[in-house]
Each structure stands twice: as C-alpha cells, then as structure tokens.
C-alpha atoms as a PDB file:
ATOM      1  CA  MET A   1     132.215 123.784  14.263  1.00  0.00           C
ATOM      2  CA  GLU A   2     133.284 126.516  16.608  1.00  0.00           C
ATOM      3  CA  PHE A   3     136.501 128.573  16.069  1.00  0.00           C
ATOM      4  CA  THR A   4     138.388 130.490  18.787  1.00  0.00           C
ATOM      5  CA  PRO A   5     140.973 133.378  18.627  1.00  0.00           C
ATOM      6  CA  PRO A   6     142.850 133.682  16.508  1.00  0.00           C
ATOM      7  CA  PHE A   7     139.946 133.228  14.312  1.00  0.00           C
ATOM      8  CA  PRO A   8     140.680 131.733  10.839  1.00  0.00           C
ATOM      9  CA  ARG A   9     139.713 133.783   7.841  1.00  0.00           C
ATOM     10  CA  ASP A  10     137.809 131.204   5.894  1.00  0.00           C
ATOM     11  CA  ARG A  11     135.776 132.184   3.051  1.00  0.00           C
ATOM     12  CA  ASP A  12     133.726 129.215   2.595  1.00  0.00           C
ATOM     13  CA  THR A  13     132.329 125.807   3.601  1.00  0.00           C
ATOM     14  CA  SER A  14     131.278 123.167   1.104  1.00  0.00           C
ATOM     15  CA  ARG A  15     130.566 119.386   0.677  1.00  0.00           C
ATOM     16  CA  ARG A  16     131.398 117.287  -2.228  1.00  0.00           C
ATOM     17  CA  LEU A  17     128.057 115.056  -2.680  1.00  0.00           C
ATOM     18  CA  ARG A  18     129.222 111.812  -4.475  1.00  0.00           C
ATOM     19  CA  LEU A  19     125.710 110.353  -4.629  1.00  0.00           C
ATOM     20  CA  PRO A  20     122.136 111.963  -5.139  1.00  0.00           C
ATOM     21  CA  VAL A  21     120.753 113.531  -1.844  1.00  0.00           C
ATOM     22  CA  ARG A  22     117.286 114.269  -1.082  1.00  0.00           C
ATOM     23  CA  GLU A  23     117.857 116.951   1.293  1.00  0.00           C
ATOM     24  CA  TYR A  24     121.245 118.844   2.543  1.00  0.00           C
ATOM     25  CA  VAL A  25     121.436 121.622   4.838  1.00  0.00           C
ATOM     26  CA  ILE A  26     124.411 123.872   5.750  1.00  0.00           C
ATOM     27  CA  ASP A  27     124.254 126.445   8.623  1.00  0.00           C
ATOM     28  CA  VAL A  28     126.627 128.941   9.350  1.00  0.00           C
ATOM     29  CA  GLU A  29     126.659 131.068  12.391  1.00  0.00           C
ATOM     30  CA  PHE A  30     129.083 134.247  12.563  1.00  0.00           C
ATOM     31  CA  THR A  31     130.010 136.153  15.806  1.00  0.00           C
ATOM     32  CA  ARG A  32     129.966 139.864  16.022  1.00  0.00           C
ATOM     33  CA  PRO A  33     131.742 141.920  15.441  1.00  0.00           C
ATOM     34  CA  ALA A  34     133.123 139.603  12.687  1.00  0.00           C
ATOM     35  CA  LEU A  35     130.211 139.655  10.153  1.00  0.00           C
ATOM     36  CA  PRO A  36     130.669 139.068   6.452  1.00  0.00           C
ATOM     37  CA  VAL A  37     129.355 141.635   4.032  1.00  0.00           C
ATOM     38  CA  ARG A  38     128.123 139.158   1.612  1.00  0.00           C
ATOM     39  CA  CYS A  39     127.058 135.375   1.658  1.00  0.00           C
ATOM     40  CA  VAL A  40     126.374 133.139  -1.396  1.00  0.00           C
ATOM     41  CA  GLN A  41     124.753 129.692  -1.525  1.00  0.00           C
ATOM     42  CA  PHE A  42     126.343 127.758  -4.567  1.00  0.00           C
ATOM     43  CA  THR A  43     125.755 124.499  -6.585  1.00  0.00           C
ATOM     44  CA  ALA A  44     128.260 123.222  -8.995  1.00  0.00           C
ATOM     45  CA  PRO A  45     127.959 120.101 -11.080  1.00  0.00           C
ATOM     46  CA  ARG A  46     130.849 117.677 -10.240  1.00  0.00           C
ATOM     47  CA  GLU A  47     131.779 117.469 -13.858  1.00  0.00           C
ATOM     48  CA  ASP A  48     132.188 121.239 -14.431  1.00  0.00           C
ATOM     49  CA  GLU A  49     132.543 123.146 -11.191  1.00  0.00           C
ATOM     50  CA  SER A  50     132.821 126.455 -13.108  1.00  0.00           C
ATOM     51  CA  ALA A  51     129.167 125.883 -14.095  1.00  0.00           C
ATOM     52  CA  ARG A  52     127.941 126.792 -10.726  1.00  0.00           C
ATOM     53  CA  THR A  53     124.619 128.468  -9.754  1.00  0.00           C
ATOM     54  CA  GLU A  54     124.559 131.032  -6.943  1.00  0.00           C
ATOM     55  CA  ARG A  55     121.829 132.482  -4.667  1.00  0.00           C
ATOM     56  CA  VAL A  56     122.462 135.508  -2.472  1.00  0.00           C
ATOM     57  CA  LEU A  57     121.916 134.800   1.293  1.00  0.00           C
ATOM     58  CA  THR A  58     120.798 137.184   3.914  1.00  0.00           C
ATOM     59  CA  LEU A  59     122.052 136.959   7.735  1.00  0.00           C
ATOM     60  CA  ASP A  60     119.172 136.293   9.917  1.00  0.00           C
ATOM     61  CA  GLU A  61     118.635 138.165  13.358  1.00  0.00           C
ATOM     62  CA  GLY A  62     121.182 135.269  14.866  1.00  0.00           C
ATOM     63  CA  ASP A  63     123.894 136.321  12.708  1.00  0.00           C
ATOM     64  CA  ARG A  64     123.374 132.910  10.701  1.00  0.00           C
ATOM     65  CA  VAL A  65     122.809 131.978   7.149  1.00  0.00           C
ATOM     66  CA  CYS A  66     121.253 128.584   5.971  1.00  0.00           C
ATOM     67  CA  ALA A  67     121.628 126.974   2.594  1.00  0.00           C
ATOM     68  CA  MET A  68     119.219 124.033   1.777  1.00  0.00           C
ATOM     69  CA  GLY A  69     119.532 121.848  -1.419  1.00  0.00           C
ATOM     70  CA  VAL A  70     116.708 119.350  -2.336  1.00  0.00           C
ATOM     71  CA  ASP A  71     116.879 116.638  -4.813  1.00  0.00           C
ATOM     72  CA  LEU A  72     120.476 117.300  -5.397  1.00  0.00           C
ATOM     73  CA  ASP A  73     122.456 115.323  -8.191  1.00  0.00           C
ATOM     74  CA  PRO A  74     126.180 114.426  -7.373  1.00  0.00           C
ATOM     75  CA  CYS A  75     127.730 118.149  -7.082  1.00  0.00           C
ATOM     76  CA  VAL A  76     129.643 120.466  -4.832  1.00  0.00           C
ATOM     77  CA  PHE A  77     127.213 122.249  -2.470  1.00  0.00           C
ATOM     78  CA  GLY A  78     128.225 125.175  -0.159  1.00  0.00           C
ATOM     79  CA  ILE A  79     128.106 128.586   1.184  1.00  0.00           C
ATOM     80  CA  ARG A  80     130.868 131.202   0.680  1.00  0.00           C
ATOM     81  CA  TRP A  81     131.228 134.708   2.133  1.00  0.00           C
ATOM     82  CA  GLU A  82     133.067 137.852   1.864  1.00  0.00           C
ATOM     83  CA  TRP A  83     134.816 139.864   4.749  1.00  0.00           C
ATOM     84  CA  PRO A  84     134.909 143.510   4.821  1.00  0.00           C
ATOM     85  CA  GLY A  85     138.046 145.042   4.002  1.00  0.00           C
ATOM     86  CA  PRO A  86     141.220 143.737   2.309  1.00  0.00           C
ATOM     87  CA  PRO A  87     142.205 140.074   2.334  1.00  0.00           C
ATOM     88  CA  PRO A  88     144.188 139.191   5.347  1.00  0.00           C
END
C-alpha cells in the first residue's frame, strides 16, 4: 500500500488471524523525511488483546521494518510506530 500527499498519520498496521497460521509477515516501508522514532511488533491473543507481547523493531537501511510470526494461534499480529513530535 502506498500513500501520497497529504500523507495519513497512521500509527499501526495489523491483521486479525482467525485460524492458526504457520508464517505471517508484515513489511512496512517509510519515506524520508517522515521516519518514525520507534517501531514495535505486537501479538495479542484474540480472547484478551490487552495481554499483548511486544518486540522493538529497528529500521533497516531501506527505512523498512519487518515483523514475522511463526506458528501463530488465532491472534492479532501487527506493527505500531510512533511519529516524532505531538500527535496531529
């Protein structure tokens, strides 16, 4: 998915997995100068989304982050990020 001006100020992307999944990958690419200050992969069980696990991600040299889940039970799996400065 590619966004053009005026760019949305989304803060995450995720997928609600209804069935067990062997592998699931989310790849997010950012465009300079609009780079996030922090990115986190998260997994939350469907029955209790407040019990999420998180892992900090680092932008690669192409200004992308990639999250990969393996042997996932039904859950919400995604990436969230924080923009610099105050919320829009």
